[in-house]
PDB file of N, CA and C in Angstrom:
ATOM      1  N   MET A   1     -35.328 -11.335 -11.657  1.00  0.00           N
ATOM      2  CA  MET A   1     -34.917 -10.019 -11.120  1.00  0.00           C
ATOM      3  C   MET A   1     -34.645  -9.925  -9.440  1.00  0.00           C
ATOM      4  N   PRO A   2     -33.751  -9.694  -8.928  1.00  0.00           N
ATOM      5  CA  PRO A   2     -33.235 -10.019  -7.452  1.00  0.00           C
ATOM      6  C   PRO A   2     -34.026  -9.420  -6.866  1.00  0.00           C
ATOM      7  N   TYR A   3     -34.632  -9.842  -5.658  1.00  0.00           N
ATOM      8  CA  TYR A   3     -34.865  -8.642  -4.247  1.00  0.00           C
ATOM      9  C   TYR A   3     -34.074  -7.928  -3.581  1.00  0.00           C
ATOM     10  N   ILE A   4     -34.317  -6.697  -3.551  1.00  0.00           N
ATOM     11  CA  ILE A   4     -33.147  -5.900  -2.701  1.00  0.00           C
ATOM     12  C   ILE A   4     -33.864  -5.630  -1.125  1.00  0.00           C
ATOM     13  N   ILE A   5     -33.146  -5.510  -0.455  1.00  0.00           N
ATOM     14  CA  ILE A   5     -33.409  -5.104   1.443  1.00  0.00           C
ATOM     15  C   ILE A   5     -33.004  -3.786   1.164  1.00  0.00           C
ATOM     16  N   THR A   6     -33.892  -2.407   1.589  1.00  0.00           N
ATOM     17  CA  THR A   6     -33.401  -1.064   1.733  1.00  0.00           C
ATOM     18  C   THR A   6     -33.020  -1.198   3.007  1.00  0.00           C
ATOM     19  N   SER A   7     -32.864   0.362   3.099  1.00  0.00           N
ATOM     20  CA  SER A   7     -32.242   1.100   4.483  1.00  0.00           C
ATOM     21  C   SER A   7     -33.413   1.084   5.503  1.00  0.00           C
ATOM     22  N   LEU A   8     -34.491   0.407   5.301  1.00  0.00           N
ATOM     23  CA  LEU A   8     -35.575   0.634   6.078  1.00  0.00           C
ATOM     24  C   LEU A   8     -35.404  -0.657   7.352  1.00  0.00           C
ATOM     25  N   CYS A   9     -34.496  -1.500   6.702  1.00  0.00           N
ATOM     26  CA  CYS A   9     -34.052  -2.769   7.514  1.00  0.00           C
ATOM     27  C   CYS A   9     -32.854  -2.100   8.251  1.00  0.00           C
ATOM     28  N   THR A  10     -32.240  -0.906   8.367  1.00  0.00           N
ATOM     29  CA  THR A  10     -31.186  -0.456   9.027  1.00  0.00           C
ATOM     30  C   THR A  10     -31.500  -0.592  10.749  1.00  0.00           C
ATOM     31  N   ASP A  11     -30.502  -1.525  11.270  1.00  0.00           N
ATOM     32  CA  ASP A  11     -30.777  -1.230  12.543  1.00  0.00           C
ATOM     33  C   ASP A  11     -31.815  -2.519  13.443  1.00  0.00           C
ATOM     34  N   CYS A  12     -33.096  -2.745  12.408  1.00  0.00           N
ATOM     35  CA  CYS A  12     -34.002  -3.539  12.493  1.00  0.00           C
ATOM     36  C   CYS A  12     -33.576  -5.265  12.649  1.00  0.00           C
ATOM     37  N   LYS A  13     -32.934  -5.647  11.624  1.00  0.00           N
ATOM     38  CA  LYS A  13     -32.218  -6.924  11.094  1.00  0.00           C
ATOM     39  C   LYS A  13     -33.018  -8.227  11.657  1.00  0.00           C
ATOM     40  N   ASP A  14     -34.645  -8.174  11.566  1.00  0.00           N
ATOM     41  CA  ASP A  14     -35.434  -9.096  11.866  1.00  0.00           C
ATOM     42  C   ASP A  14     -34.768 -10.113  10.838  1.00  0.00           C
ATOM     43  N   THR A  15     -34.791 -11.176  10.781  1.00  0.00           N
ATOM     44  CA  THR A  15     -34.596 -12.515  10.152  1.00  0.00           C
ATOM     45  C   THR A  15     -35.349 -13.124   9.682  1.00  0.00           C
ATOM     46  N   ALA A  16     -36.730 -12.810   9.762  1.00  0.00           N
ATOM     47  CA  ALA A  16     -37.846 -13.650   8.904  1.00  0.00           C
ATOM     48  C   ALA A  16     -37.930 -13.897   7.652  1.00  0.00           C
ATOM     49  N   CYS A  17     -36.867 -12.832   7.142  1.00  0.00           N
ATOM     50  CA  CYS A  17     -36.799 -13.013   5.420  1.00  0.00           C
ATOM     51  C   CYS A  17     -35.744 -14.147   5.628  1.00  0.00           C
ATOM     52  N   ALA A  18     -34.620 -14.293   6.249  1.00  0.00           N
ATOM     53  CA  ALA A  18     -33.880 -15.222   5.835  1.00  0.00           C
ATOM     54  C   ALA A  18     -34.539 -16.580   6.551  1.00  0.00           C
ATOM     55  N   ASP A  19     -35.307 -16.346   7.444  1.00  0.00           N
ATOM     56  CA  ASP A  19     -35.883 -17.675   7.721  1.00  0.00           C
ATOM     57  C   ASP A  19     -36.631 -18.646   6.884  1.00  0.00           C
ATOM     58  N   VAL A  20     -37.126 -18.018   5.667  1.00  0.00           N
ATOM     59  CA  VAL A  20     -37.778 -18.500   4.547  1.00  0.00           C
ATOM     60  C   VAL A  20     -37.343 -18.228   3.228  1.00  0.00           C
ATOM     61  N   CYS A  21     -36.309 -18.338   3.587  1.00  0.00           N
ATOM     62  CA  CYS A  21     -34.924 -17.788   2.281  1.00  0.00           C
ATOM     63  C   CYS A  21     -34.638 -19.442   1.505  1.00  0.00           C
ATOM     64  N   PRO A  22     -35.162 -20.195   0.323  1.00  0.00           N
ATOM     65  CA  PRO A  22     -34.760 -21.155   0.376  1.00  0.00           C
ATOM     66  C   PRO A  22     -33.242 -21.780  -0.173  1.00  0.00           C
ATOM     67  N   VAL A  23     -32.603 -20.455  -0.255  1.00  0.00           N
ATOM     68  CA  VAL A  23     -31.027 -20.816  -0.885  1.00  0.00           C
ATOM     69  C   VAL A  23     -29.949 -20.117   0.076  1.00  0.00           C
ATOM     70  N   GLU A  24     -30.367 -19.345   1.035  1.00  0.00           N
ATOM     71  CA  GLU A  24     -29.535 -19.047   2.377  1.00  0.00           C
ATOM     72  C   GLU A  24     -28.970 -17.734   1.551  1.00  0.00           C
ATOM     73  N   CYS A  25     -29.923 -16.577   0.526  1.00  0.00           N
ATOM     74  CA  CYS A  25     -29.307 -16.014   0.069  1.00  0.00           C
ATOM     75  C   CYS A  25     -28.818 -14.571   0.660  1.00  0.00           C
ATOM     76  N   ILE A  26     -29.839 -14.225   2.147  1.00  0.00           N
ATOM     77  CA  ILE A  26     -29.501 -12.890   2.501  1.00  0.00           C
ATOM     78  C   ILE A  26     -28.898 -13.261   3.582  1.00  0.00           C
ATOM     79  N   TYR A  27     -27.775 -12.040   3.618  1.00  0.00           N
ATOM     80  CA  TYR A  27     -26.343 -11.944   4.491  1.00  0.00           C
ATOM     81  C   TYR A  27     -26.781 -11.171   5.529  1.00  0.00           C
ATOM     82  N   GLU A  28     -26.129 -11.236   6.635  1.00  0.00           N
ATOM     83  CA  GLU A  28     -25.501 -10.159   7.757  1.00  0.00           C
ATOM     84  C   GLU A  28     -24.167  -9.300   7.742  1.00  0.00           C
ATOM     85  N   VAL A  29     -23.597  -8.740   8.153  1.00  0.00           N
ATOM     86  CA  VAL A  29     -22.532  -7.959   8.189  1.00  0.00           C
ATOM     87  C   VAL A  29     -21.635  -8.969   9.513  1.00  0.00           C
ATOM     88  N   LYS A  30     -20.633  -9.256   9.235  1.00  0.00           N
ATOM     89  CA  LYS A  30     -19.524  -9.477  10.325  1.00  0.00           C
ATOM     90  C   LYS A  30     -19.223  -8.278  11.309  1.00  0.00           C
ATOM     91  N   ALA A  31     -18.788  -8.705  12.371  1.00  0.00           N
ATOM     92  CA  ALA A  31     -19.034  -8.095  13.428  1.00  0.00           C
ATOM     93  C   ALA A  31     -17.264  -7.272  13.006  1.00  0.00           C
ATOM     94  N   SER A  32     -16.344  -8.009  12.063  1.00  0.00           N
ATOM     95  CA  SER A  32     -15.030  -7.225  11.481  1.00  0.00           C
ATOM     96  C   SER A  32     -15.226  -6.322  10.704  1.00  0.00           C
ATOM     97  N   ALA A  33     -16.108  -6.417   9.854  1.00  0.00           N
ATOM     98  CA  ALA A  33     -16.699  -5.370   9.135  1.00  0.00           C
ATOM     99  C   ALA A  33     -17.510  -4.099   9.355  1.00  0.00           C
ATOM    100  N   ALA A  34     -18.455  -4.270  10.596  1.00  0.00           N
ATOM    101  CA  ALA A  34     -19.429  -3.483  10.920  1.00  0.00           C
ATOM    102  C   ALA A  34     -19.361  -2.399  10.695  1.00  0.00           C
ATOM    103  N   ASN A  35     -17.721  -1.607  10.502  1.00  0.00           N
ATOM    104  CA  ASN A  35     -17.579  -0.286  10.375  1.00  0.00           C
ATOM    105  C   ASN A  35     -17.680  -0.099   8.807  1.00  0.00           C
ATOM    106  N   ASN A  36     -17.897  -0.747   7.714  1.00  0.00           N
ATOM    107  CA  ASN A  36     -17.982  -0.853   6.192  1.00  0.00           C
ATOM    108  C   ASN A  36     -19.240  -0.619   5.633  1.00  0.00           C
ATOM    109  N   TRP A  37     -19.784  -0.887   6.442  1.00  0.00           N
ATOM    110  CA  TRP A  37     -21.537  -1.410   5.961  1.00  0.00           C
ATOM    111  C   TRP A  37     -22.629  -0.891   6.640  1.00  0.00           C
ATOM    112  N   GLN A  38     -23.261  -0.525   6.367  1.00  0.00           N
ATOM    113  CA  GLN A  38     -24.721  -0.195   6.919  1.00  0.00           C
ATOM    114  C   GLN A  38     -25.204  -1.524   7.725  1.00  0.00           C
ATOM    115  N   ASN A  39     -25.669  -1.315   9.119  1.00  0.00           N
ATOM    116  CA  ASN A  39     -26.109  -2.280   9.767  1.00  0.00           C
ATOM    117  C   ASN A  39     -27.784  -2.943   9.616  1.00  0.00           C
ATOM    118  N   GLN A  40     -27.425  -3.437   8.774  1.00  0.00           N
ATOM    119  CA  GLN A  40     -28.868  -4.098   7.983  1.00  0.00           C
ATOM    120  C   GLN A  40     -28.646  -5.649   7.393  1.00  0.00           C
ATOM    121  N   LEU A  41     -29.635  -6.177   7.001  1.00  0.00           N
ATOM    122  CA  LEU A  41     -29.774  -7.399   5.744  1.00  0.00           C
ATOM    123  C   LEU A  41     -29.160  -6.970   4.723  1.00  0.00           C
ATOM    124  N   TYR A  42     -28.503  -7.654   4.222  1.00  0.00           N
ATOM    125  CA  TYR A  42     -28.475  -7.909   2.220  1.00  0.00           C
ATOM    126  C   TYR A  42     -29.256  -8.971   1.548  1.00  0.00           C
ATOM    127  N   ILE A  43     -29.362  -8.953   0.338  1.00  0.00           N
ATOM    128  CA  ILE A  43     -29.587  -9.932   0.103  1.00  0.00           C
ATOM    129  C   ILE A  43     -28.326 -10.021  -1.520  1.00  0.00           C
ATOM    130  N   ASN A  44     -27.777 -11.383  -1.536  1.00  0.00           N
ATOM    131  CA  ASN A  44     -26.443 -11.251  -2.315  1.00  0.00           C
ATOM    132  C   ASN A  44     -27.571 -11.682  -4.071  1.00  0.00           C
ATOM    133  N   PRO A  45     -27.791 -10.610  -4.931  1.00  0.00           N
ATOM    134  CA  PRO A  45     -28.268 -11.107  -6.353  1.00  0.00           C
ATOM    135  C   PRO A  45     -28.044 -12.159  -6.655  1.00  0.00           C
ATOM    136  N   ASP A  46     -26.645 -12.460  -6.814  1.00  0.00           N
ATOM    137  CA  ASP A  46     -26.260 -13.357  -7.861  1.00  0.00           C
ATOM    138  C   ASP A  46     -27.001 -14.802  -7.323  1.00  0.00           C
ATOM    139  N   GLU A  47     -27.345 -14.827  -5.958  1.00  0.00           N
ATOM    140  CA  GLU A  47     -27.655 -16.013  -5.487  1.00  0.00           C
ATOM    141  C   GLU A  47     -29.788 -16.373  -5.244  1.00  0.00           C
ATOM    142  N   CYS A  48     -30.096 -15.166  -5.521  1.00  0.00           N
ATOM    143  CA  CYS A  48     -31.138 -14.890  -5.569  1.00  0.00           C
ATOM    144  C   CYS A  48     -32.220 -15.501  -5.927  1.00  0.00           C
ATOM    145  N   ILE A  49     -32.931 -16.217  -6.150  1.00  0.00           N
ATOM    146  CA  ILE A  49     -33.976 -17.173  -7.191  1.00  0.00           C
ATOM    147  C   ILE A  49     -35.380 -16.406  -7.281  1.00  0.00           C
ATOM    148  N   ASP A  50     -35.420 -15.193  -7.346  1.00  0.00           N
ATOM    149  CA  ASP A  50     -36.320 -14.395  -6.903  1.00  0.00           C
ATOM    150  C   ASP A  50     -37.928 -15.489  -6.629  1.00  0.00           C
ATOM    151  N   CYS A  51     -37.672 -15.800  -5.397  1.00  0.00           N
ATOM    152  CA  CYS A  51     -39.037 -16.699  -5.209  1.00  0.00           C
ATOM    153  C   CYS A  51     -40.061 -15.974  -4.442  1.00  0.00           C
ATOM    154  N   THR A  52     -39.570 -14.441  -4.057  1.00  0.00           N
ATOM    155  CA  THR A  52     -40.475 -14.124  -3.472  1.00  0.00           C
ATOM    156  C   THR A  52     -40.840 -14.003  -2.245  1.00  0.00           C
ATOM    157  N   ASN A  53     -40.080 -15.369  -1.123  1.00  0.00           N
ATOM    158  CA  ASN A  53     -40.616 -15.703  -0.187  1.00  0.00           C
ATOM    159  C   ASN A  53     -40.167 -14.427   0.636  1.00  0.00           C
ATOM    160  N   CYS A  54     -39.129 -13.787   0.846  1.00  0.00           N
ATOM    161  CA  CYS A  54     -38.650 -12.770   1.770  1.00  0.00           C
ATOM    162  C   CYS A  54     -39.370 -11.442   2.050  1.00  0.00           C
ATOM    163  N   GLU A  55     -39.927 -11.127   0.785  1.00  0.00           N
ATOM    164  CA  GLU A  55     -40.967  -9.592   0.850  1.00  0.00           C
ATOM    165  C   GLU A  55     -41.801  -9.831   1.983  1.00  0.00           C
ATOM    166  N   PRO A  56     -42.701 -10.730   1.355  1.00  0.00           N
ATOM    167  CA  PRO A  56     -44.428 -10.840   2.580  1.00  0.00           C
ATOM    168  C   PRO A  56     -43.855 -11.393   4.230  1.00  0.00           C
ATOM    169  N   ALA A  57     -42.619 -11.675   4.222  1.00  0.00           N
ATOM    170  CA  ALA A  57     -42.202 -11.862   5.433  1.00  0.00           C
ATOM    171  C   ALA A  57     -41.447 -10.866   6.324  1.00  0.00           C
ATOM    172  N   CYS A  58     -41.099  -9.856   5.307  1.00  0.00           N
ATOM    173  CA  CYS A  58     -40.377  -9.027   6.330  1.00  0.00           C
ATOM    174  C   CYS A  58     -41.477  -7.870   6.987  1.00  0.00           C
ATOM    175  N   PRO A  59     -41.405  -8.190   8.372  1.00  0.00           N
ATOM    176  CA  PRO A  59     -42.279  -7.226   9.227  1.00  0.00           C
ATOM    177  C   PRO A  59     -42.139  -5.875   9.202  1.00  0.00           C
ATOM    178  N   TRP A  60     -40.899  -5.272   8.619  1.00  0.00           N
ATOM    179  CA  TRP A  60     -40.533  -3.922   8.394  1.00  0.00           C
ATOM    180  C   TRP A  60     -40.497  -3.252   7.041  1.00  0.00           C
ATOM    181  N   LYS A  61     -41.430  -4.061   6.121  1.00  0.00           N
ATOM    182  CA  LYS A  61     -41.757  -4.203   4.912  1.00  0.00           C
ATOM    183  C   LYS A  61     -40.626  -3.249   4.018  1.00  0.00           C
ATOM    184  N   ALA A  62     -39.137  -3.747   4.193  1.00  0.00           N
ATOM    185  CA  ALA A  62     -38.044  -3.062   3.981  1.00  0.00           C
ATOM    186  C   ALA A  62     -37.725  -3.840   2.854  1.00  0.00           C
ATOM    187  N   ILE A  63     -38.167  -4.767   2.169  1.00  0.00           N
ATOM    188  CA  ILE A  63     -37.564  -5.562   0.568  1.00  0.00           C
ATOM    189  C   ILE A  63     -38.777  -5.627  -0.350  1.00  0.00           C
ATOM    190  N   TYR A  64     -38.047  -5.029  -1.145  1.00  0.00           N
ATOM    191  CA  TYR A  64     -38.446  -4.885  -2.992  1.00  0.00           C
ATOM    192  C   TYR A  64     -38.109  -5.529  -4.030  1.00  0.00           C
ATOM    193  N   GLU A  65     -38.541  -5.825  -5.065  1.00  0.00           N
ATOM    194  CA  GLU A  65     -38.245  -6.387  -6.207  1.00  0.00           C
ATOM    195  C   GLU A  65     -37.325  -5.613  -6.898  1.00  0.00           C
ATOM    196  N   GLU A  66     -36.160  -5.635  -7.151  1.00  0.00           N
ATOM    197  CA  GLU A  66     -35.129  -4.729  -7.543  1.00  0.00           C
ATOM    198  C   GLU A  66     -36.039  -3.782  -8.349  1.00  0.00           C
ATOM    199  N   ASP A  67     -36.747  -3.772  -9.466  1.00  0.00           N
ATOM    200  CA  ASP A  67     -37.354  -2.627 -10.305  1.00  0.00           C
ATOM    201  C   ASP A  67     -38.509  -1.955  -9.663  1.00  0.00           C
ATOM    202  N   GLN A  68     -38.892  -2.479  -8.165  1.00  0.00           N
ATOM    203  CA  GLN A  68     -39.987  -2.198  -7.819  1.00  0.00           C
ATOM    204  C   GLN A  68     -39.439  -1.128  -6.473  1.00  0.00           C
ATOM    205  N   VAL A  69     -38.189  -0.939  -6.200  1.00  0.00           N
ATOM    206  CA  VAL A  69     -37.358  -0.242  -5.245  1.00  0.00           C
ATOM    207  C   VAL A  69     -37.786   1.319  -5.416  1.00  0.00           C
ATOM    208  N   PRO A  70     -38.203   1.841  -4.034  1.00  0.00           N
ATOM    209  CA  PRO A  70     -38.816   3.397  -4.369  1.00  0.00           C
ATOM    210  C   PRO A  70     -37.811   4.175  -4.543  1.00  0.00           C
ATOM    211  N   ALA A  71     -37.536   5.420  -5.257  1.00  0.00           N
ATOM    212  CA  ALA A  71     -36.888   6.251  -5.568  1.00  0.00           C
ATOM    213  C   ALA A  71     -36.009   6.425  -4.241  1.00  0.00           C
ATOM    214  N   VAL A  72     -36.263   6.754  -2.918  1.00  0.00           N
ATOM    215  CA  VAL A  72     -35.876   7.262  -1.822  1.00  0.00           C
ATOM    216  C   VAL A  72     -34.571   6.038  -1.443  1.00  0.00           C
ATOM    217  N   PHE A  73     -34.751   5.155  -2.143  1.00  0.00           N
ATOM    218  CA  PHE A  73     -34.060   3.690  -1.647  1.00  0.00           C
ATOM    219  C   PHE A  73     -32.899   3.330  -2.895  1.00  0.00           C
ATOM    220  N   ALA A  74     -33.351   3.938  -3.496  1.00  0.00           N
ATOM    221  CA  ALA A  74     -32.260   3.492  -5.175  1.00  0.00           C
ATOM    222  C   ALA A  74     -31.237   3.293  -4.863  1.00  0.00           C
ATOM    223  N   LYS A  75     -30.577   4.009  -3.887  1.00  0.00           N
ATOM    224  CA  LYS A  75     -28.850   3.473  -3.476  1.00  0.00           C
ATOM    225  C   LYS A  75     -28.687   2.082  -2.892  1.00  0.00           C
ATOM    226  N   ASP A  76     -29.887   1.277  -2.375  1.00  0.00           N
ATOM    227  CA  ASP A  76     -29.691   0.264  -1.642  1.00  0.00           C
ATOM    228  C   ASP A  76     -29.555  -0.934  -2.842  1.00  0.00           C
ATOM    229  N   ILE A  77     -30.036  -0.460  -3.986  1.00  0.00           N
ATOM    230  CA  ILE A  77     -29.989  -1.542  -5.010  1.00  0.00           C
ATOM    231  C   ILE A  77     -28.175  -2.006  -5.237  1.00  0.00           C
ATOM    232  N   ASP A  78     -27.515  -0.665  -5.497  1.00  0.00           N
ATOM    233  CA  ASP A  78     -26.192  -0.987  -5.380  1.00  0.00           C
ATOM    234  C   ASP A  78     -25.545  -1.619  -3.922  1.00  0.00           C
ATOM    235  N   SER A  79     -25.996  -0.961  -3.135  1.00  0.00           N
ATOM    236  CA  SER A  79     -25.573  -1.537  -1.789  1.00  0.00           C
ATOM    237  C   SER A  79     -25.898  -3.180  -1.640  1.00  0.00           C
ATOM    238  N   ASN A  80     -26.603  -3.877  -2.079  1.00  0.00           N
ATOM    239  CA  ASN A  80     -27.157  -5.075  -2.054  1.00  0.00           C
ATOM    240  C   ASN A  80     -26.140  -6.355  -3.255  1.00  0.00           C
ATOM    241  N   LYS A  81     -25.898  -5.255  -4.631  1.00  0.00           N
ATOM    242  CA  LYS A  81     -25.108  -5.430  -5.029  1.00  0.00           C
ATOM    243  C   LYS A  81     -23.299  -5.752  -5.125  1.00  0.00           C
ATOM    244  N   ALA A  82     -22.893  -4.731  -3.956  1.00  0.00           N
ATOM    245  CA  ALA A  82     -22.013  -4.671  -3.583  1.00  0.00           C
ATOM    246  C   ALA A  82     -21.495  -5.839  -3.060  1.00  0.00           C
ATOM    247  N   ILE A  83     -22.156  -6.142  -2.091  1.00  0.00           N
ATOM    248  CA  ILE A  83     -21.504  -7.422  -1.614  1.00  0.00           C
ATOM    249  C   ILE A  83     -21.184  -8.797  -1.901  1.00  0.00           C
ATOM    250  N   VAL A  84     -21.217  -8.789  -3.557  1.00  0.00           N
ATOM    251  CA  VAL A  84     -21.047  -9.614  -4.274  1.00  0.00           C
ATOM    252  C   VAL A  84     -19.165  -9.957  -4.217  1.00  0.00           C
ATOM    253  N   ASP A  85     -18.780  -8.666  -4.443  1.00  0.00           N
ATOM    254  CA  ASP A  85     -17.387  -8.343  -4.476  1.00  0.00           C
ATOM    255  C   ASP A  85     -16.934  -8.328  -2.754  1.00  0.00           C
ATOM    256  N   ALA A  86     -17.395  -8.111  -1.794  1.00  0.00           N
ATOM    257  CA  ALA A  86     -16.983  -7.779  -0.481  1.00  0.00           C
ATOM    258  C   ALA A  86     -17.569  -9.151   0.389  1.00  0.00           C
ATOM    259  N   ILE A  87     -17.658 -10.576  -0.498  1.00  0.00           N
ATOM    260  CA  ILE A  87     -18.564 -11.426   0.492  1.00  0.00           C
ATOM    261  C   ILE A  87     -17.666 -11.748   1.404  1.00  0.00           C
ATOM    262  N   ALA A  88     -16.647 -11.309   1.701  1.00  0.00           N
ATOM    263  CA  ALA A  88     -15.864 -11.846   3.017  1.00  0.00           C
ATOM    264  C   ALA A  88     -16.268 -11.012   4.130  1.00  0.00           C
ATOM    265  N   ASP A  89     -16.558 -10.114   4.165  1.00  0.00           N
ATOM    266  CA  ASP A  89     -17.272  -9.137   4.868  1.00  0.00           C
ATOM    267  C   ASP A  89     -18.595  -9.513   5.457  1.00  0.00           C
ATOM    268  N   PHE A  90     -19.287 -10.424   5.021  1.00  0.00           N
ATOM    269  CA  PHE A  90     -20.447 -10.768   5.278  1.00  0.00           C
ATOM    270  C   PHE A  90     -20.833 -12.497   5.756  1.00  0.00           C
ATOM    271  N   GLN A  91     -21.482 -13.016   6.520  1.00  0.00           N
ATOM    272  CA  GLN A  91     -22.280 -14.058   6.780  1.00  0.00           C
ATOM    273  C   GLN A  91     -23.744 -14.457   6.544  1.00  0.00           C
ATOM    274  N   VAL A  92     -24.110 -15.723   6.178  1.00  0.00           N
ATOM    275  CA  VAL A  92     -25.414 -15.767   5.954  1.00  0.00           C
ATOM    276  C   VAL A  92     -25.637 -15.024   7.368  1.00  0.00           C
ATOM    277  N   ALA A  93     -27.541 -14.879   7.332  1.00  0.00           N
ATOM    278  CA  ALA A  93     -27.968 -14.246   8.149  1.00  0.00           C
ATOM    279  C   ALA A  93     -28.309 -15.317   9.337  1.00  0.00           C
ATOM    280  N   LYS A  94     -28.107 -15.170  10.451  1.00  0.00           N
ATOM    281  CA  LYS A  94     -28.582 -16.018  11.623  1.00  0.00           C
ATOM    282  C   LYS A  94     -30.113 -16.104  11.503  1.00  0.00           C
ATOM    283  N   VAL A  95     -30.768 -16.841  11.931  1.00  0.00           N
ATOM    284  CA  VAL A  95     -32.105 -16.938  12.048  1.00  0.00           C
ATOM    285  C   VAL A  95     -32.417 -17.089  13.469  1.00  0.00           C
ATOM    286  N   THR A  96     -32.779 -16.003  14.091  1.00  0.00           N
ATOM    287  CA  THR A  96     -33.268 -15.356  15.188  1.00  0.00           C
ATOM    288  C   THR A  96     -34.492 -14.843  15.669  1.00  0.00           C
ATOM    289  N   LYS A  97     -35.255 -15.305  16.449  1.00  0.00           N
ATOM    290  CA  LYS A  97     -36.430 -14.151  16.822  1.00  0.00           C
ATOM    291  C   LYS A  97     -36.710 -13.014  17.568  1.00  0.00           C
ATOM    292  N   THR A  98     -36.962 -12.304  16.898  1.00  0.00           N
ATOM    293  CA  THR A  98     -36.902 -10.508  17.690  1.00  0.00           C
ATOM    294  C   THR A  98     -38.457 -10.170  17.396  1.00  0.00           C
ATOM    295  N   HIS A  99     -38.478  -8.682  18.128  1.00  0.00           N
ATOM    296  CA  HIS A  99     -39.671  -8.066  18.573  1.00  0.00           C
ATOM    297  C   HIS A  99     -40.210  -7.918  17.103  1.00  0.00           C
ATOM    298  N   GLN A 100     -41.411  -8.134  17.037  1.00  0.00           N
ATOM    299  CA  GLN A 100     -42.146  -7.733  15.642  1.00  0.00           C
ATOM    300  C   GLN A 100     -42.816  -6.629  15.968  1.00  0.00           C
ATOM    301  N   PRO A 101     -42.456  -5.678  14.980  1.00  0.00           N
ATOM    302  CA  PRO A 101     -42.692  -4.482  15.042  1.00  0.00           C
ATOM    303  C   PRO A 101     -44.441  -4.121  15.154  1.00  0.00           C
ATOM    304  N   THR A 102     -44.849  -3.129  15.655  1.00  0.00           N
ATOM    305  CA  THR A 102     -46.140  -2.435  15.220  1.00  0.00           C
ATOM    306  C   THR A 102     -46.560  -2.130  14.340  1.00  0.00           C
ATOM    307  N   LYS A 103     -47.405  -1.648  13.950  1.00  0.00           N
ATOM    308  CA  LYS A 103     -48.152  -1.078  12.758  1.00  0.00           C
ATOM    309  C   LYS A 103     -47.322   0.514  12.908  1.00  0.00           C
ATOM    310  N   ALA A 104     -47.803   1.130  13.936  1.00  0.00           N
ATOM    311  CA  ALA A 104     -46.942   2.581  14.199  1.00  0.00           C
ATOM    312  C   ALA A 104     -45.409   2.467  14.450  1.00  0.00           C
ATOM    313  N   GLU A 105     -44.637   1.566  14.428  1.00  0.00           N
ATOM    314  CA  GLU A 105     -43.180   1.310  14.732  1.00  0.00           C
ATOM    315  C   GLU A 105     -43.260   1.235  13.273  1.00  0.00           C
ATOM    316  N   VAL A 106     -43.446   0.560  12.272  1.00  0.00           N
ATOM    317  CA  VAL A 106     -43.401   0.755  10.752  1.00  0.00           C
ATOM    318  C   VAL A 106     -43.577   1.830  10.449  1.00  0.00           C
ATOM    319  N   GLU A 107     -44.776   2.357  10.707  1.00  0.00           N
ATOM    320  CA  GLU A 107     -44.846   3.738  10.182  1.00  0.00           C
ATOM    321  C   GLU A 107     -43.773   4.728  10.559  1.00  0.00           C
ATOM    322  N   ALA A 108     -43.214   4.612  11.665  1.00  0.00           N
ATOM    323  CA  ALA A 108     -42.525   5.707  12.098  1.00  0.00           C
ATOM    324  C   ALA A 108     -41.192   5.409  11.492  1.00  0.00           C
ATOM    325  N   ASN A 109     -40.696   3.938  10.785  1.00  0.00           N
ATOM    326  CA  ASN A 109     -39.666   3.893  10.780  1.00  0.00           C
ATOM    327  C   ASN A 109     -39.827   4.308   8.947  1.00  0.00           C
ATOM    328  N   PHE A 110     -41.448   4.225   8.507  1.00  0.00           N
ATOM    329  CA  PHE A 110     -40.977   5.005   7.060  1.00  0.00           C
ATOM    330  C   PHE A 110     -40.716   6.305   6.980  1.00  0.00           C
ATOM    331  N   ALA A 111     -41.177   7.258   8.284  1.00  0.00           N
ATOM    332  CA  ALA A 111     -41.007   8.277   8.326  1.00  0.00           C
ATOM    333  C   ALA A 111     -39.904   9.023   8.591  1.00  0.00           C
ATOM    334  N   LYS A 112     -38.891   8.232   9.197  1.00  0.00           N
ATOM    335  CA  LYS A 112     -37.375   8.356   9.753  1.00  0.00           C
ATOM    336  C   LYS A 112     -36.889   8.510   8.178  1.00  0.00           C
ATOM    337  N   TRP A 113     -37.245   7.957   7.050  1.00  0.00           N
ATOM    338  CA  TRP A 113     -36.708   7.620   5.950  1.00  0.00           C
ATOM    339  C   TRP A 113     -37.485   8.815   5.067  1.00  0.00           C
ATOM    340  N   SER A 114     -38.620   9.344   5.827  1.00  0.00           N
ATOM    341  CA  SER A 114     -39.356  10.079   4.503  1.00  0.00           C
ATOM    342  C   SER A 114     -39.959   9.455   3.366  1.00  0.00           C
ATOM    343  N   PHE A 115     -40.886   8.193   3.932  1.00  0.00           N
ATOM    344  CA  PHE A 115     -40.679   7.280   2.972  1.00  0.00           C
ATOM    345  C   PHE A 115     -42.688   7.355   2.931  1.00  0.00           C
ATOM    346  N   LYS A 116     -43.005   7.146   2.235  1.00  0.00           N
ATOM    347  CA  LYS A 116     -44.621   7.012   2.066  1.00  0.00           C
ATOM    348  C   LYS A 116     -45.213   5.919   1.314  1.00  0.00           C
ATOM    349  N   PRO A 117     -45.216   4.470   1.231  1.00  0.00           N
ATOM    350  CA  PRO A 117     -45.663   3.909   0.329  1.00  0.00           C
ATOM    351  C   PRO A 117     -46.421   3.850  -0.358  1.00  0.00           C
TER     352      PRO A 117
END
């Protein structure tokens, strides 16, 4: 069962998950398609091998196994699956070092989505 990047990743786009992905199945939206997709990373479910590396690597706690995605983020399952048919809008995520969020920032991000883990 593939992993899903949820809306908790919106505007964060930390690529620690892509850094540990052995099959490069984590994608970012190309600039030319930015108006068509939410500004976050996505996992191509057809390429994901369920290695589990991405979930603990995500400092924003935005990644879940598909059957564990919280109800508030259920739509993100379809969003991740949709990239398969729109792969031309995406590129493999570039690994870059970004700001590591504090616990308070992660909790504020949860609150933004009315999510309590």
